[in-house]
Amino acid sequence: MENRNIGCTVNECKHNNNGVHCCTLERIQIKCHTPRAESPECTDCASFTRR
């Protein structure tokens, strides 16, 4: 199953559908790893699971 509403090119993630670059999860969790998100680099996908 793929969720074309969640694009992903992280091939190392267990939830990535490699052929289509989509996430297979219905919902992802985003986290901030700085006190305040000032740029995309301040955020991460907390749903990442290594293959």
PDB file of N, CA and C in Angstrom:
ATOM      1  N   MET A   1       0.850  -1.177   0.000  1.00  0.00           N
ATOM      2  CA  MET A   1       0.000   0.000   0.000  1.00  0.00           C
ATOM      3  C   MET A   1       0.893   1.236   0.000  1.00  0.00           C
ATOM      4  N   GLU A   2       0.484   2.252  -0.694  1.00  0.00           N
ATOM      5  CA  GLU A   2       1.252   3.494  -0.749  1.00  0.00           C
ATOM      6  C   GLU A   2       0.341   4.678  -0.507  1.00  0.00           C
ATOM      7  N   ASN A   3       0.895   5.697   0.073  1.00  0.00           N
ATOM      8  CA  ASN A   3       0.161   6.931   0.304  1.00  0.00           C
ATOM      9  C   ASN A   3       0.815   8.010  -0.536  1.00  0.00           C
ATOM     10  N   ARG A   4       0.240   8.315  -1.684  1.00  0.00           N
ATOM     11  CA  ARG A   4       0.828   9.304  -2.589  1.00  0.00           C
ATOM     12  C   ARG A   4       0.743  10.724  -2.027  1.00  0.00           C
ATOM     13  N   ASN A   5       0.036  10.905  -0.922  1.00  0.00           N
ATOM     14  CA  ASN A   5      -0.024  12.206  -0.263  1.00  0.00           C
ATOM     15  C   ASN A   5       1.220  12.465   0.583  1.00  0.00           C
ATOM     16  N   ILE A   6       2.000  11.424   0.857  1.00  0.00           N
ATOM     17  CA  ILE A   6       3.235  11.565   1.630  1.00  0.00           C
ATOM     18  C   ILE A   6       4.394  11.129   0.739  1.00  0.00           C
ATOM     19  N   GLY A   7       5.072  12.090   0.133  1.00  0.00           N
ATOM     20  CA  GLY A   7       6.218  11.790  -0.706  1.00  0.00           C
ATOM     21  C   GLY A   7       7.443  11.510   0.145  1.00  0.00           C
ATOM     22  N   CYS A   8       8.281  10.587  -0.279  1.00  0.00           N
ATOM     23  CA  CYS A   8       9.486  10.254   0.468  1.00  0.00           C
ATOM     24  C   CYS A   8      10.524   9.659  -0.475  1.00  0.00           C
ATOM     25  N   THR A   9      11.749  10.155  -0.390  1.00  0.00           N
ATOM     26  CA  THR A   9      12.842   9.610  -1.194  1.00  0.00           C
ATOM     27  C   THR A   9      13.923   8.984  -0.321  1.00  0.00           C
ATOM     28  N   VAL A  10      13.610   8.698   0.949  1.00  0.00           N
ATOM     29  CA  VAL A  10      14.575   8.089   1.871  1.00  0.00           C
ATOM     30  C   VAL A  10      14.500   6.569   1.715  1.00  0.00           C
ATOM     31  N   ASN A  11      15.323   6.040   0.847  1.00  0.00           N
ATOM     32  CA  ASN A  11      15.283   4.612   0.545  1.00  0.00           C
ATOM     33  C   ASN A  11      15.648   3.738   1.734  1.00  0.00           C
ATOM     34  N   GLU A  12      16.354   4.286   2.719  1.00  0.00           N
ATOM     35  CA  GLU A  12      16.746   3.520   3.897  1.00  0.00           C
ATOM     36  C   GLU A  12      15.589   3.323   4.874  1.00  0.00           C
ATOM     37  N   CYS A  13      14.475   4.016   4.656  1.00  0.00           N
ATOM     38  CA  CYS A  13      13.325   3.897   5.550  1.00  0.00           C
ATOM     39  C   CYS A  13      12.468   2.689   5.179  1.00  0.00           C
ATOM     40  N   LYS A  14      12.095   1.932   6.179  1.00  0.00           N
ATOM     41  CA  LYS A  14      11.257   0.750   6.007  1.00  0.00           C
ATOM     42  C   LYS A  14       9.902   1.093   5.371  1.00  0.00           C
ATOM     43  N   HIS A  15       9.413   2.310   5.591  1.00  0.00           N
ATOM     44  CA  HIS A  15       8.092   2.703   5.118  1.00  0.00           C
ATOM     45  C   HIS A  15       8.096   3.305   3.714  1.00  0.00           C
ATOM     46  N   ASN A  16       9.261   3.435   3.096  1.00  0.00           N
ATOM     47  CA  ASN A  16       9.364   4.003   1.755  1.00  0.00           C
ATOM     48  C   ASN A  16       9.009   2.959   0.712  1.00  0.00           C
ATOM     49  N   ASN A  17       8.119   3.338  -0.204  1.00  0.00           N
ATOM     50  CA  ASN A  17       7.772   2.478  -1.332  1.00  0.00           C
ATOM     51  C   ASN A  17       8.733   2.850  -2.452  1.00  0.00           C
ATOM     52  N   ASN A  18       9.850   2.161  -2.535  1.00  0.00           N
ATOM     53  CA  ASN A  18      10.959   2.541  -3.407  1.00  0.00           C
ATOM     54  C   ASN A  18      10.580   2.868  -4.840  1.00  0.00           C
ATOM     55  N   GLY A  19       9.706   2.122  -5.424  1.00  0.00           N
ATOM     56  CA  GLY A  19       9.370   2.325  -6.826  1.00  0.00           C
ATOM     57  C   GLY A  19       8.657   3.632  -7.112  1.00  0.00           C
ATOM     58  N   VAL A  20       7.919   4.160  -6.145  1.00  0.00           N
ATOM     59  CA  VAL A  20       7.085   5.332  -6.383  1.00  0.00           C
ATOM     60  C   VAL A  20       7.497   6.527  -5.518  1.00  0.00           C
ATOM     61  N   HIS A  21       8.440   6.336  -4.611  1.00  0.00           N
ATOM     62  CA  HIS A  21       8.894   7.380  -3.685  1.00  0.00           C
ATOM     63  C   HIS A  21       7.749   7.934  -2.853  1.00  0.00           C
ATOM     64  N   CYS A  22       6.951   7.031  -2.312  1.00  0.00           N
ATOM     65  CA  CYS A  22       5.857   7.388  -1.412  1.00  0.00           C
ATOM     66  C   CYS A  22       6.016   6.629  -0.111  1.00  0.00           C
ATOM     67  N   CYS A  23       5.418   7.166   0.947  1.00  0.00           N
ATOM     68  CA  CYS A  23       5.416   6.506   2.245  1.00  0.00           C
ATOM     69  C   CYS A  23       4.255   5.512   2.286  1.00  0.00           C
ATOM     70  N   THR A  24       4.469   4.393   2.941  1.00  0.00           N
ATOM     71  CA  THR A  24       3.401   3.396   3.042  1.00  0.00           C
ATOM     72  C   THR A  24       2.539   3.602   4.287  1.00  0.00           C
ATOM     73  N   LEU A  25       2.904   4.572   5.135  1.00  0.00           N
ATOM     74  CA  LEU A  25       2.103   4.853   6.327  1.00  0.00           C
ATOM     75  C   LEU A  25       0.924   5.759   5.978  1.00  0.00           C
ATOM     76  N   GLU A  26      -0.150   5.664   6.721  1.00  0.00           N
ATOM     77  CA  GLU A  26      -1.297   6.553   6.541  1.00  0.00           C
ATOM     78  C   GLU A  26      -1.047   7.901   7.199  1.00  0.00           C
ATOM     79  N   ARG A  27      -0.192   7.905   8.216  1.00  0.00           N
ATOM     80  CA  ARG A  27       0.072   9.115   8.984  1.00  0.00           C
ATOM     81  C   ARG A  27       1.518   9.082   9.442  1.00  0.00           C
ATOM     82  N   ILE A  28       2.200  10.220   9.368  1.00  0.00           N
ATOM     83  CA  ILE A  28       3.564  10.308   9.879  1.00  0.00           C
ATOM     84  C   ILE A  28       3.627  11.336  11.004  1.00  0.00           C
ATOM     85  N   GLN A  29       4.645  11.207  11.821  1.00  0.00           N
ATOM     86  CA  GLN A  29       4.860  12.140  12.920  1.00  0.00           C
ATOM     87  C   GLN A  29       6.112  12.951  12.602  1.00  0.00           C
ATOM     88  N   ILE A  30       6.001  14.277  12.670  1.00  0.00           N
ATOM     89  CA  ILE A  30       7.139  15.168  12.442  1.00  0.00           C
ATOM     90  C   ILE A  30       7.585  15.719  13.782  1.00  0.00           C
ATOM     91  N   LYS A  31       8.910  15.783  13.990  1.00  0.00           N
ATOM     92  CA  LYS A  31       9.422  16.333  15.242  1.00  0.00           C
ATOM     93  C   LYS A  31      10.398  17.467  14.950  1.00  0.00           C
ATOM     94  N   CYS A  32      10.534  18.340  15.912  1.00  0.00           N
ATOM     95  CA  CYS A  32      11.482  19.439  15.859  1.00  0.00           C
ATOM     96  C   CYS A  32      12.633  19.088  16.786  1.00  0.00           C
ATOM     97  N   HIS A  33      13.861  19.209  16.319  1.00  0.00           N
ATOM     98  CA  HIS A  33      14.994  18.882  17.181  1.00  0.00           C
ATOM     99  C   HIS A  33      15.782  20.121  17.602  1.00  0.00           C
ATOM    100  N   THR A  34      15.154  21.275  17.469  1.00  0.00           N
ATOM    101  CA  THR A  34      15.699  22.531  17.968  1.00  0.00           C
ATOM    102  C   THR A  34      14.608  23.202  18.799  1.00  0.00           C
ATOM    103  N   PRO A  35      14.958  24.173  19.629  1.00  0.00           N
ATOM    104  CA  PRO A  35      13.923  24.835  20.433  1.00  0.00           C
ATOM    105  C   PRO A  35      12.809  25.461  19.587  1.00  0.00           C
ATOM    106  N   ARG A  36      13.155  25.896  18.387  1.00  0.00           N
ATOM    107  CA  ARG A  36      12.167  26.520  17.503  1.00  0.00           C
ATOM    108  C   ARG A  36      12.510  26.181  16.060  1.00  0.00           C
ATOM    109  N   ALA A  37      11.529  25.754  15.284  1.00  0.00           N
ATOM    110  CA  ALA A  37      11.768  25.409  13.885  1.00  0.00           C
ATOM    111  C   ALA A  37      11.901  26.683  13.055  1.00  0.00           C
ATOM    112  N   GLU A  38      13.088  26.910  12.541  1.00  0.00           N
ATOM    113  CA  GLU A  38      13.359  28.088  11.709  1.00  0.00           C
ATOM    114  C   GLU A  38      13.543  27.710  10.238  1.00  0.00           C
ATOM    115  N   SER A  39      13.758  26.426   9.974  1.00  0.00           N
ATOM    116  CA  SER A  39      13.991  25.959   8.609  1.00  0.00           C
ATOM    117  C   SER A  39      13.655  24.469   8.533  1.00  0.00           C
ATOM    118  N   PRO A  40      13.547  23.917   7.327  1.00  0.00           N
ATOM    119  CA  PRO A  40      13.273  22.485   7.205  1.00  0.00           C
ATOM    120  C   PRO A  40      14.323  21.615   7.907  1.00  0.00           C
ATOM    121  N   GLU A  41      15.550  22.093   7.978  1.00  0.00           N
ATOM    122  CA  GLU A  41      16.622  21.332   8.609  1.00  0.00           C
ATOM    123  C   GLU A  41      16.408  21.162  10.116  1.00  0.00           C
ATOM    124  N   CYS A  42      15.524  21.936  10.701  1.00  0.00           N
ATOM    125  CA  CYS A  42      15.213  21.832  12.141  1.00  0.00           C
ATOM    126  C   CYS A  42      14.200  20.746  12.438  1.00  0.00           C
ATOM    127  N   THR A  43      13.643  20.112  11.418  1.00  0.00           N
ATOM    128  CA  THR A  43      12.594  19.115  11.610  1.00  0.00           C
ATOM    129  C   THR A  43      13.026  17.758  11.050  1.00  0.00           C
ATOM    130  N   ASP A  44      12.415  16.712  11.575  1.00  0.00           N
ATOM    131  CA  ASP A  44      12.702  15.345  11.120  1.00  0.00           C
ATOM    132  C   ASP A  44      11.397  14.536  11.114  1.00  0.00           C
ATOM    133  N   CYS A  45      11.413  13.483  10.312  1.00  0.00           N
ATOM    134  CA  CYS A  45      10.300  12.532  10.334  1.00  0.00           C
ATOM    135  C   CYS A  45      10.531  11.579  11.499  1.00  0.00           C
ATOM    136  N   ALA A  46       9.684  11.665  12.502  1.00  0.00           N
ATOM    137  CA  ALA A  46       9.817  10.811  13.676  1.00  0.00           C
ATOM    138  C   ALA A  46       9.264   9.404  13.419  1.00  0.00           C
ATOM    139  N   SER A  47       8.701   9.173  12.246  1.00  0.00           N
ATOM    140  CA  SER A  47       8.173   7.862  11.898  1.00  0.00           C
ATOM    141  C   SER A  47       9.209   6.988  11.211  1.00  0.00           C
ATOM    142  N   PHE A  48      10.418   7.520  10.979  1.00  0.00           N
ATOM    143  CA  PHE A  48      11.476   6.795  10.297  1.00  0.00           C
ATOM    144  C   PHE A  48      11.829   5.515  11.039  1.00  0.00           C
ATOM    145  N   THR A  49      11.900   4.413  10.294  1.00  0.00           N
ATOM    146  CA  THR A  49      12.367   3.127  10.799  1.00  0.00           C
ATOM    147  C   THR A  49      13.337   2.576   9.767  1.00  0.00           C
ATOM    148  N   ARG A  50      14.553   2.290  10.186  1.00  0.00           N
ATOM    149  CA  ARG A  50      15.564   1.792   9.249  1.00  0.00           C
ATOM    150  C   ARG A  50      15.178   0.412   8.704  1.00  0.00           C
ATOM    151  N   ARG A  51      15.419   0.213   7.423  1.00  0.00           N
ATOM    152  CA  ARG A  51      15.156  -1.098   6.784  1.00  0.00           C
ATOM    153  C   ARG A  51      16.000  -2.170   7.403  1.00  0.00           C
TER     154      ARG A  51
END
